[in-house]
């Protein structure tokens, strides 16, 4: 084999969440109330626009969640068949394979976005007409950025403009094909003409917000295709202190944000649902114990508790290096430990909400009738209590995602987040902290991390609003 598959624990959890989402979709189709709620989400223009952006982020994260190690070349000494197969110690992903130019084309140090020369002057040796060597202070030529232009730096603007026009034309063509395909499928399903289907699509007469999806998809194509065209020969978002492409760092940070936001909820939900339902249904000493537990946990400052747990976990990792075959496995364990710690410290709010809702549901007539007929407590909880709490769980699941992404950025900024070798929005912001204080100021690393993290969090919040409006019975009733 030319590569060795590497399965990280975070990869397993991410793909399990994908499978769980597909199963949830199938179950929602079979459940009329859930199907009706998701249809209300589909009619929300802001929600579908946000979902389109989130799908783009998720696709990047999934590409970065399939890891492998490449095979090393061995010298042929006549006994090649007897030599063991060796693989590189570096763990790569499919995203790394796709973005190989971004990953491998490193410069010496800082460079501005789309620049062909370094950001700071250096001493350069030049020879005069008599062959004598002289030292000049100038901006050195980048090794990779704009290398196809040679020494003709003045052609950069024209080259960038031509690439943008070509990418924009291709984006418009692809968008037109997609829009026509949607119109054709809508015309077939509605048994109407193409012109009528086209007008209905943009007027919002359909059960699904196709207009919002198409507009967002067009904006994404106009953004992604120019970036893909330019990043082949330029550093679109510049380079950092060690010359690494900032665009590559941003792409790698997406998976870290998704893992923090999704896996943490996977840890938080079982605790919140189990303890919240138990406290609200059984009451008495069970309720007192659970209330004492989450009240005590809530009284401890969250940052201090997370910092103490992360530092203890780091000590365990440092004292057991034999557990890890690669540095990626070591960083992955710290990432999962951070997810577990965030989940353990953030379940109290949802647990309190579920406890209050269960206390209300317990007093309803059909629950008391089931108890009077001798139905077991477990069956009542599974058949009557839990289904009526799912709207709260889904709303909390979507709304907590953005707060967890921001929490990772804050924790990595103060040094108790992910492993320093793992790229994330928090580590990018932390590294850019000192860059803002230098002269001239290096602003593009912070700006790139902020823009992409802002887009991810904004899309998650807009989708959370749409889900809340669709699943909350009071909001659905008023609508």
Protein backbone atom coordinates (compact mmCIF):
# COMPACT_ATOMS: atom_id res chain seq x y z
CA UNK A 1 0.00 0.00 0.00
CA UNK A 2 1.20 3.51 -0.78
CA UNK A 3 -0.49 4.82 2.35
CA UNK A 4 -1.46 3.54 5.79
CA UNK A 5 -4.93 4.52 7.06
CA UNK A 6 -4.88 6.24 10.45
CA UNK A 7 -8.02 6.24 12.57
CA UNK A 8 -8.13 8.96 15.21
CA UNK A 9 -10.73 8.93 17.94
CA UNK A 10 -12.06 12.30 16.85
CA UNK A 11 -12.52 10.95 13.32
CA UNK A 12 -14.59 8.06 14.67
CA UNK A 13 -16.79 10.42 16.66
CA UNK A 14 -17.28 12.80 13.73
CA UNK A 15 -18.39 10.02 11.38
CA UNK A 16 -20.61 8.55 14.08
CA UNK A 17 -22.27 11.95 14.35
CA UNK A 18 -22.78 11.96 10.56
CA UNK A 19 -24.44 8.55 10.78
CA UNK A 20 -26.54 9.74 13.73
CA UNK A 21 -27.66 12.78 11.71
CA UNK A 22 -28.73 10.51 8.84
CA UNK A 23 -30.63 8.24 11.24
CA UNK A 24 -32.29 11.28 12.79
CA UNK A 25 -33.34 12.42 9.33
CA UNK A 26 -34.91 9.04 8.56
CA UNK A 27 -36.73 8.98 11.89
CA UNK A 28 -37.94 12.54 11.34
CA UNK A 29 -39.47 11.52 8.02
CA UNK A 30 -41.43 8.78 9.77
CA UNK A 31 -42.58 11.05 12.60
CA UNK A 32 -45.29 13.52 11.46
CA UNK A 33 -44.65 16.19 14.15
CA UNK A 34 -40.89 16.15 13.54
CA UNK A 35 -41.42 16.13 9.78
CA UNK A 36 -43.70 19.15 10.06
CA UNK A 37 -41.17 20.98 12.24
CA UNK A 38 -38.31 20.34 9.81
CA UNK A 39 -40.52 21.56 6.97
CA UNK A 40 -40.95 24.83 8.86
CA UNK A 41 -37.16 25.02 9.10
CA UNK A 42 -36.96 24.42 5.35
CA UNK A 43 -39.30 27.34 4.67
CA UNK A 44 -37.08 29.74 6.62
CA UNK A 45 -34.92 31.72 4.21
CA UNK A 46 -32.36 32.73 6.80
CA UNK A 47 -32.22 29.19 8.14
CA UNK A 48 -31.63 27.63 4.74
CA UNK A 49 -29.03 30.23 3.82
CA UNK A 50 -27.21 29.48 7.07
CA UNK A 51 -27.55 25.72 6.50
CA UNK A 52 -25.93 26.09 3.06
CA UNK A 53 -22.93 27.86 4.60
CA UNK A 54 -22.69 25.25 7.36
CA UNK A 55 -22.75 22.42 4.82
CA UNK A 56 -19.73 24.00 3.12
CA UNK A 57 -17.89 24.11 6.45
CA UNK A 58 -18.90 20.52 7.25
CA UNK A 59 -17.60 19.26 3.90
CA UNK A 60 -14.21 20.81 4.61
CA UNK A 61 -14.24 19.26 8.08
CA UNK A 62 -15.11 15.81 6.73
CA UNK A 63 -12.28 16.00 4.19
CA UNK A 64 -9.96 16.76 7.09
CA UNK A 65 -11.30 13.77 9.08
CA UNK A 66 -9.91 10.99 6.86
CA UNK A 67 -6.27 10.50 7.86
CA UNK A 68 -3.42 8.41 6.53
CA UNK A 69 0.38 8.08 6.52
CA UNK A 70 2.29 7.95 3.26
CA UNK A 71 4.76 5.20 2.44
CA UNK A 72 8.45 6.08 2.55
CA UNK A 73 10.66 5.27 -0.38
CA UNK A 74 13.35 2.68 0.37
CA UNK A 75 16.66 2.21 -1.36
CA UNK A 76 16.97 -0.81 -3.60
CA UNK A 77 19.92 -2.81 -2.21
CA UNK A 78 19.08 -6.07 -3.94
CA UNK A 79 16.91 -7.33 -1.08
CA UNK A 80 13.91 -5.05 -1.47
CA UNK A 81 11.53 -7.90 -0.80
CA UNK A 82 13.05 -8.44 2.66
CA UNK A 83 12.90 -4.82 3.76
CA UNK A 84 9.98 -3.87 6.03
CA UNK A 85 7.55 -1.30 4.75
CA UNK A 86 8.08 2.06 6.43
CA UNK A 87 5.57 4.89 6.62
CA UNK A 88 6.10 8.56 7.33
CA UNK A 89 5.59 9.76 10.88
CA UNK A 90 3.51 12.71 9.63
CA UNK A 91 -0.24 12.09 9.59
CA UNK A 92 -2.02 13.69 6.63
CA UNK A 93 -5.67 14.02 5.67
CA UNK A 94 -7.56 14.19 2.40
CA UNK A 95 -7.70 17.95 2.84
CA UNK A 96 -3.89 18.00 3.10
CA UNK A 97 -3.69 15.98 -0.12
CA UNK A 98 -6.06 18.36 -1.92
CA UNK A 99 -4.30 21.43 -0.52
CA UNK A 100 -0.76 20.15 -1.11
CA UNK A 101 0.35 23.40 -2.81
CA UNK A 102 -0.82 25.40 0.19
CA UNK A 103 0.83 23.01 2.64
CA UNK A 104 4.19 22.65 0.89
CA UNK A 105 4.81 26.14 -0.51
CA UNK A 106 6.25 27.80 2.59
CA UNK A 107 8.04 31.12 2.50
CA UNK A 108 10.78 32.43 4.76
CA UNK A 109 8.59 34.70 6.89
CA UNK A 110 5.71 37.18 6.63
CA UNK A 111 4.17 38.20 3.34
CA UNK A 112 1.03 40.20 2.60
CA UNK A 113 -2.03 38.73 0.86
CA UNK A 114 -1.37 38.24 -2.88
CA UNK A 115 2.15 39.65 -2.45
CA UNK A 116 5.16 38.73 -4.57
CA UNK A 117 7.72 40.10 -2.14
CA UNK A 118 8.34 39.68 1.57
CA UNK A 119 6.78 42.05 4.10
CA UNK A 120 10.03 43.26 5.68
CA UNK A 121 13.25 44.49 4.13
CA UNK A 122 16.36 42.33 4.21
CA UNK A 123 19.99 42.72 3.27
CA UNK A 124 20.43 41.43 -0.27
CA UNK A 125 23.78 40.85 -1.96
CA UNK A 126 24.01 42.32 -5.47
CA UNK A 127 26.97 42.73 -7.84
CA UNK A 128 27.71 45.98 -9.56
CA UNK A 129 29.10 46.39 -13.06
CA UNK A 130 32.64 45.75 -11.85
CA UNK A 131 31.76 42.49 -10.12
CA UNK A 132 31.95 43.85 -6.59
CA UNK A 133 29.40 42.63 -4.04
CA UNK A 134 27.21 45.25 -2.40
CA UNK A 135 24.57 44.96 0.31
CA UNK A 136 21.22 46.56 -0.37
CA UNK A 137 18.16 46.83 1.89
CA UNK A 138 15.13 45.76 -0.12
CA UNK A 139 12.06 43.54 -0.03
CA UNK A 140 13.23 40.09 -1.18
CA UNK A 141 11.33 38.15 -3.83
CA UNK A 142 9.09 35.39 -2.49
CA UNK A 143 10.07 31.85 -3.32
CA UNK A 144 6.57 30.69 -4.31
CA UNK A 145 4.15 33.63 -4.22
CA UNK A 146 3.77 34.89 -7.79
CA UNK A 147 6.78 32.86 -8.95
CA UNK A 148 5.17 32.31 -12.35
CA UNK A 149 5.52 36.04 -13.03
CA UNK A 150 9.29 35.99 -12.74
CA UNK A 151 10.66 39.44 -12.07
CA UNK A 152 7.69 41.20 -13.70
CA UNK A 153 5.95 42.28 -10.50
CA UNK A 154 4.00 44.95 -12.35
CA UNK A 155 1.99 42.21 -14.09
CA UNK A 156 0.54 40.98 -10.81
CA UNK A 157 -2.56 43.19 -10.90
CA UNK A 158 -3.40 42.16 -14.46
CA UNK A 159 -2.84 38.48 -13.67
CA UNK A 160 -5.02 38.62 -10.57
CA UNK A 161 -7.74 40.47 -12.49
CA UNK A 162 -7.77 37.91 -15.30
CA UNK A 163 -8.01 35.04 -12.81
CA UNK A 164 -10.87 36.74 -10.96
CA UNK A 165 -12.80 37.34 -14.19
CA UNK A 166 -12.33 33.73 -15.32
CA UNK A 167 -13.34 32.35 -11.91
CA UNK A 168 -16.34 34.67 -11.74
CA UNK A 169 -17.52 33.59 -15.20
CA UNK A 170 -17.15 29.92 -14.24
CA UNK A 171 -19.05 30.54 -10.99
CA UNK A 172 -21.91 32.19 -12.87
CA UNK A 173 -22.02 29.30 -15.34
CA UNK A 174 -22.12 26.67 -12.59
CA UNK A 175 -24.74 28.63 -10.68
CA UNK A 176 -26.89 28.93 -13.79
CA UNK A 177 -26.73 25.17 -14.38
CA UNK A 178 -27.69 24.48 -10.76
CA UNK A 179 -30.56 26.98 -10.86
CA UNK A 180 -31.89 25.50 -14.10
CA UNK A 181 -31.65 22.00 -12.63
CA UNK A 182 -33.64 23.06 -9.58
CA UNK A 183 -36.23 24.77 -11.77
CA UNK A 184 -36.57 21.69 -13.99
CA UNK A 185 -37.02 19.33 -11.02
CA UNK A 186 -39.54 21.73 -9.45
CA UNK A 187 -41.48 21.96 -12.73
CA UNK A 188 -41.66 18.17 -12.96
CA UNK A 189 -42.80 17.76 -9.37
CA UNK A 190 -45.43 20.51 -9.69
CA UNK A 191 -46.45 19.52 -13.25
CA UNK A 192 -46.11 23.09 -14.52
CA UNK A 193 -44.08 24.99 -17.10
CA UNK A 194 -40.47 26.02 -16.57
CA UNK A 195 -41.34 29.73 -16.56
CA UNK A 196 -44.01 29.25 -13.91
CA UNK A 197 -41.66 27.14 -11.80
CA UNK A 198 -38.94 29.80 -12.15
CA UNK A 199 -41.27 32.57 -10.99
CA UNK A 200 -42.59 30.48 -8.12
CA UNK A 201 -39.07 29.62 -7.01
CA UNK A 202 -38.06 33.27 -6.64
CA UNK A 203 -41.41 34.43 -5.24
CA UNK A 204 -41.19 31.91 -2.41
CA UNK A 205 -44.25 29.92 -3.47
CA UNK A 206 -42.47 26.58 -2.81
CA UNK A 207 -42.44 24.58 0.42
CA UNK A 208 -38.65 24.93 0.52
CA UNK A 209 -36.66 28.17 0.50
CA UNK A 210 -34.90 27.43 -2.79
CA UNK A 211 -34.30 31.11 -3.48
CA UNK A 212 -32.25 31.55 -0.30
CA UNK A 213 -30.24 28.40 -1.04
CA UNK A 214 -29.49 29.48 -4.61
CA UNK A 215 -28.48 33.01 -3.60
CA UNK A 216 -26.18 31.69 -0.87
CA UNK A 217 -24.76 29.06 -3.19
CA UNK A 218 -24.04 31.72 -5.79
CA UNK A 219 -22.23 33.84 -3.21
CA UNK A 220 -20.19 30.81 -2.12
CA UNK A 221 -19.24 29.99 -5.71
CA UNK A 222 -18.19 33.59 -6.30
CA UNK A 223 -15.99 33.34 -3.20
CA UNK A 224 -14.63 29.79 -3.42
CA UNK A 225 -13.72 29.61 -7.12
CA UNK A 226 -11.62 32.82 -7.13
CA UNK A 227 -9.86 31.64 -3.97
CA UNK A 228 -9.17 28.25 -5.56
CA UNK A 229 -7.86 29.94 -8.70
CA UNK A 230 -5.59 32.38 -6.90
CA UNK A 231 -4.23 30.06 -4.19
CA UNK A 232 -2.44 27.95 -6.81
CA UNK A 233 0.19 30.63 -7.45
CA UNK A 234 -0.39 33.20 -4.67
CA UNK A 235 -0.73 33.29 -0.92
CA UNK A 236 -4.31 34.56 -0.87
CA UNK A 237 -4.31 35.47 2.83
CA UNK A 238 -0.55 35.95 3.15
CA UNK A 239 1.86 33.95 5.30
CA UNK A 240 2.68 33.90 9.02
CA UNK A 241 5.94 34.25 10.92
CA UNK A 242 7.34 30.90 9.75
CA UNK A 243 6.10 31.40 6.19
CA UNK A 244 3.12 29.04 6.33
CA UNK A 245 0.11 29.89 4.20
CA UNK A 246 -2.65 31.49 6.31
CA UNK A 247 -5.38 30.16 3.99
CA UNK A 248 -4.21 26.63 4.74
CA UNK A 249 -4.33 27.35 8.48
CA UNK A 250 -7.88 28.64 8.20
CA UNK A 251 -9.01 25.49 6.37
CA UNK A 252 -7.38 23.28 9.01
CA UNK A 253 -9.03 25.28 11.80
CA UNK A 254 -12.51 24.40 10.55
CA UNK A 255 -12.27 20.75 11.63
CA UNK A 256 -11.07 21.74 15.11
CA UNK A 257 -14.03 24.08 15.53
CA UNK A 258 -16.47 21.40 14.34
CA UNK A 259 -15.01 18.80 16.70
CA UNK A 260 -15.22 21.17 19.64
CA UNK A 261 -18.79 22.16 18.83
CA UNK A 262 -20.17 18.72 17.96
CA UNK A 263 -18.27 16.25 20.15
CA UNK A 264 -18.74 18.41 23.24
CA UNK A 265 -22.50 18.28 22.75
CA UNK A 266 -22.18 14.50 22.39
CA UNK A 267 -20.69 14.46 25.91
CA UNK A 268 -23.10 17.04 27.31
CA UNK A 269 -26.43 15.67 26.04
CA UNK A 270 -26.50 12.29 27.84
CA UNK A 271 -25.74 13.92 31.20
CA UNK A 272 -28.27 16.71 30.68
CA UNK A 273 -31.08 14.46 29.44
CA UNK A 274 -30.60 11.67 31.99
CA UNK A 275 -30.17 13.81 35.08
CA UNK A 276 -32.75 16.42 34.04
CA UNK A 277 -35.48 13.81 33.45
CA UNK A 278 -34.63 11.88 36.60
CA UNK A 279 -34.73 15.03 38.73
CA UNK A 280 -38.03 16.22 37.31
CA UNK A 281 -39.84 12.88 37.18
CA UNK A 282 -38.89 11.21 40.48
CA UNK A 283 -38.50 14.42 42.54
CA UNK A 284 -37.80 13.86 46.24
CA UNK A 285 -34.26 12.96 47.25
CA UNK A 286 -33.28 12.24 43.63
CA UNK A 287 -34.15 15.81 42.70
CA UNK A 288 -32.30 17.15 45.75
CA UNK A 289 -29.11 15.23 44.92
CA UNK A 290 -29.07 16.28 41.26
CA UNK A 291 -29.85 19.90 42.14
CA UNK A 292 -27.03 19.90 44.67
CA UNK A 293 -24.70 18.43 42.04
CA UNK A 294 -25.32 20.97 39.27
CA UNK A 295 -25.58 23.89 41.73
CA UNK A 296 -22.18 23.02 43.17
CA UNK A 297 -20.67 22.60 39.71
CA UNK A 298 -22.15 25.90 38.54
CA UNK A 299 -20.68 27.73 41.53
CA UNK A 300 -17.11 26.88 40.48
CA UNK A 301 -15.63 29.38 37.97
CA UNK A 302 -15.70 27.59 34.62
CA UNK A 303 -12.35 28.83 33.34
CA UNK A 304 -10.54 27.73 36.52
CA UNK A 305 -12.16 24.31 36.43
CA UNK A 306 -11.32 23.82 32.77
CA UNK A 307 -7.75 25.05 33.27
CA UNK A 308 -7.16 22.66 36.17
CA UNK A 309 -8.58 19.69 34.25
CA UNK A 310 -6.61 20.50 31.08
CA UNK A 311 -3.35 20.86 33.02
CA UNK A 312 -3.90 17.55 34.80
CA UNK A 313 -4.64 15.87 31.48
CA UNK A 314 -1.49 17.39 30.00
CA UNK A 315 0.57 15.91 32.83
CA UNK A 316 -0.87 12.48 32.07
CA UNK A 317 -0.05 12.88 28.37
CA UNK A 318 3.52 14.06 29.07
CA UNK A 319 4.25 11.17 31.43
CA UNK A 320 3.00 8.48 29.02
CA UNK A 321 4.62 9.19 25.62
CA UNK A 322 4.49 5.47 24.77
CA UNK A 323 0.74 5.75 24.27
CA UNK A 324 1.15 7.70 21.04
CA UNK A 325 2.72 6.57 17.79
CA UNK A 326 2.51 10.01 16.19
CA UNK A 327 2.19 13.62 17.28
CA UNK A 328 -1.27 13.73 15.69
CA UNK A 329 -2.54 11.07 18.10
CA UNK A 330 -1.16 13.05 21.02
CA UNK A 331 -2.85 16.27 19.86
CA UNK A 332 -6.06 14.37 19.15
CA UNK A 333 -6.22 13.02 22.70
CA UNK A 334 -5.84 16.50 24.15
CA UNK A 335 -8.58 17.74 21.80
CA UNK A 336 -10.94 14.99 22.98
CA UNK A 337 -9.99 15.70 26.59
CA UNK A 338 -10.90 19.35 26.05
CA UNK A 339 -14.25 18.29 24.53
CA UNK A 340 -14.94 16.03 27.50
CA UNK A 341 -14.03 18.76 30.00
CA UNK A 342 -16.19 21.34 28.23
CA UNK A 343 -19.07 18.85 28.11
CA UNK A 344 -18.81 18.00 31.81
CA UNK A 345 -18.77 21.68 32.78
CA UNK A 346 -21.54 22.87 30.43
CA UNK A 347 -24.39 20.37 30.95
CA UNK A 348 -25.94 22.15 33.92
CA UNK A 349 -27.96 24.75 31.99
CA UNK A 350 -29.74 22.24 29.77
CA UNK A 351 -30.26 19.90 32.73
CA UNK A 352 -32.05 22.68 34.60
CA UNK A 353 -34.31 23.38 31.63
CA UNK A 354 -35.19 19.70 31.17
CA UNK A 355 -35.89 19.30 34.89
CA UNK A 356 -38.39 22.16 34.84
CA UNK A 357 -40.12 20.89 31.70
CA UNK A 358 -40.31 17.35 33.11
CA UNK A 359 -41.89 18.67 36.32
CA UNK A 360 -44.59 20.25 34.16
CA UNK A 361 -45.11 17.20 31.95
CA UNK A 362 -45.35 14.90 34.96
CA UNK A 363 -48.55 16.59 36.11
CA UNK A 364 -50.38 16.21 32.80
CA UNK A 365 -53.41 13.96 32.75
CA UNK A 366 -52.17 11.36 30.29
CA UNK A 367 -48.99 10.84 32.35
CA UNK A 368 -51.03 10.39 35.55
CA UNK A 369 -53.38 8.03 33.69
CA UNK A 370 -50.43 5.92 32.57
CA UNK A 371 -49.18 5.77 36.17
CA UNK A 372 -52.66 4.79 37.40
CA UNK A 373 -52.77 1.91 34.89
CA UNK A 374 -49.47 0.60 36.22
CA UNK A 375 -47.22 1.51 33.29
CA UNK A 376 -43.57 1.31 34.35
CA UNK A 377 -41.61 4.50 34.97
CA UNK A 378 -39.07 3.62 32.28
CA UNK A 379 -41.79 3.17 29.66
CA UNK A 380 -43.45 6.46 30.62
CA UNK A 381 -40.14 8.28 30.35
CA UNK A 382 -39.26 6.77 26.96
CA UNK A 383 -42.75 6.97 25.38
CA UNK A 384 -44.20 10.17 26.85
CA UNK A 385 -41.57 12.35 28.59
CA UNK A 386 -38.56 12.15 26.28
CA UNK A 387 -40.38 12.79 22.96
CA UNK A 388 -41.94 15.94 24.42
CA UNK A 389 -38.51 17.21 25.44
CA UNK A 390 -36.82 16.77 22.07
CA UNK A 391 -37.64 20.28 20.88
CA UNK A 392 -35.68 21.70 23.82
CA UNK A 393 -32.81 19.29 23.18
CA UNK A 394 -32.59 20.16 19.48
CA UNK A 395 -32.75 23.89 20.17
CA UNK A 396 -30.02 23.65 22.83
CA UNK A 397 -27.90 21.42 20.57
CA UNK A 398 -27.83 23.99 17.77
CA UNK A 399 -27.53 27.07 19.97
CA UNK A 400 -24.68 25.68 22.11
CA UNK A 401 -22.56 24.96 19.03
CA UNK A 402 -21.57 28.58 18.43
CA UNK A 403 -20.81 29.23 22.10
CA UNK A 404 -18.51 26.19 22.20
CA UNK A 405 -16.63 27.35 19.09
CA UNK A 406 -16.05 30.71 20.75
CA UNK A 407 -15.06 28.98 24.01
CA UNK A 408 -12.29 27.07 22.20
CA UNK A 409 -10.96 30.31 20.73
CA UNK A 410 -10.87 31.94 24.17
CA UNK A 411 -9.26 28.93 25.87
CA UNK A 412 -6.60 28.53 23.17
CA UNK A 413 -5.92 32.26 23.40
CA UNK A 414 -5.08 31.95 27.11
CA UNK A 415 -3.02 28.79 26.53
CA UNK A 416 -5.29 26.07 27.94
CA UNK A 417 -7.02 25.03 24.74
CA UNK A 418 -5.96 22.58 22.05
CA UNK A 419 -2.42 21.27 21.60
CA UNK A 420 -0.02 23.94 20.25
CA UNK A 421 0.73 21.69 17.25
CA UNK A 422 -2.95 21.62 16.27
CA UNK A 423 -4.20 24.49 14.14
CA UNK A 424 -7.36 26.21 15.36
CA UNK A 425 -8.95 29.62 15.30
CA UNK A 426 -7.84 30.11 18.89
CA UNK A 427 -4.19 29.31 18.21
CA UNK A 428 -4.23 31.56 15.14
CA UNK A 429 -5.60 34.44 17.20
CA UNK A 430 -3.09 33.71 19.97
CA UNK A 431 -0.18 33.76 17.50
CA UNK A 432 -1.49 36.96 15.93
CA UNK A 433 -1.50 38.72 19.29
CA UNK A 434 2.20 39.58 19.12
CA UNK A 435 2.06 40.25 15.39
CA UNK A 436 -0.26 43.19 15.97
CA UNK A 437 2.36 44.85 18.19
CA UNK A 438 5.21 44.72 15.66
CA UNK A 439 6.06 47.43 13.16
CA UNK A 440 4.85 47.19 10.47
CA UNK A 441 1.74 45.50 11.84
CA UNK A 442 0.81 42.02 10.58
CA UNK A 443 -2.98 42.03 10.44
CA UNK A 444 -3.99 39.33 7.95
CA UNK A 445 -3.68 36.26 10.24
CA UNK A 446 -6.09 37.74 12.77
CA UNK A 447 -8.42 39.04 10.06
CA UNK A 448 -8.63 35.67 8.28
CA UNK A 449 -9.30 33.75 11.51
CA UNK A 450 -11.88 36.31 12.61
CA UNK A 451 -13.77 36.35 9.29
CA UNK A 452 -14.04 32.57 8.99
CA UNK A 453 -14.93 32.07 12.65
CA UNK A 454 -17.49 34.88 12.40
CA UNK A 455 -19.06 33.24 9.34
CA UNK A 456 -19.24 29.86 11.09
CA UNK A 457 -20.73 31.25 14.30
CA UNK A 458 -23.17 33.55 12.47
CA UNK A 459 -24.43 30.68 10.30
CA UNK A 460 -24.85 28.48 13.39
CA UNK A 461 -26.79 31.21 15.20
CA UNK A 462 -29.10 31.88 12.26
CA UNK A 463 -29.84 28.17 11.89
CA UNK A 464 -30.42 27.98 15.64
CA UNK A 465 -33.01 30.76 15.39
CA UNK A 466 -34.82 28.92 12.59
CA UNK A 467 -34.77 25.64 14.53
CA UNK A 468 -36.03 27.36 17.68
CA UNK A 469 -38.90 29.00 15.81
CA UNK A 470 -39.85 25.69 14.19
CA UNK A 471 -39.56 23.35 17.18
CA UNK A 472 -40.76 25.57 20.00
CA UNK A 473 -44.50 24.79 20.39
CA UNK A 474 -45.31 28.35 21.45
CA UNK A 475 -43.54 29.87 18.43
CA UNK A 476 -45.06 27.32 16.07
CA UNK A 477 -48.53 27.95 17.50
CA UNK A 478 -48.24 31.70 17.08
CA UNK A 479 -47.05 31.24 13.50
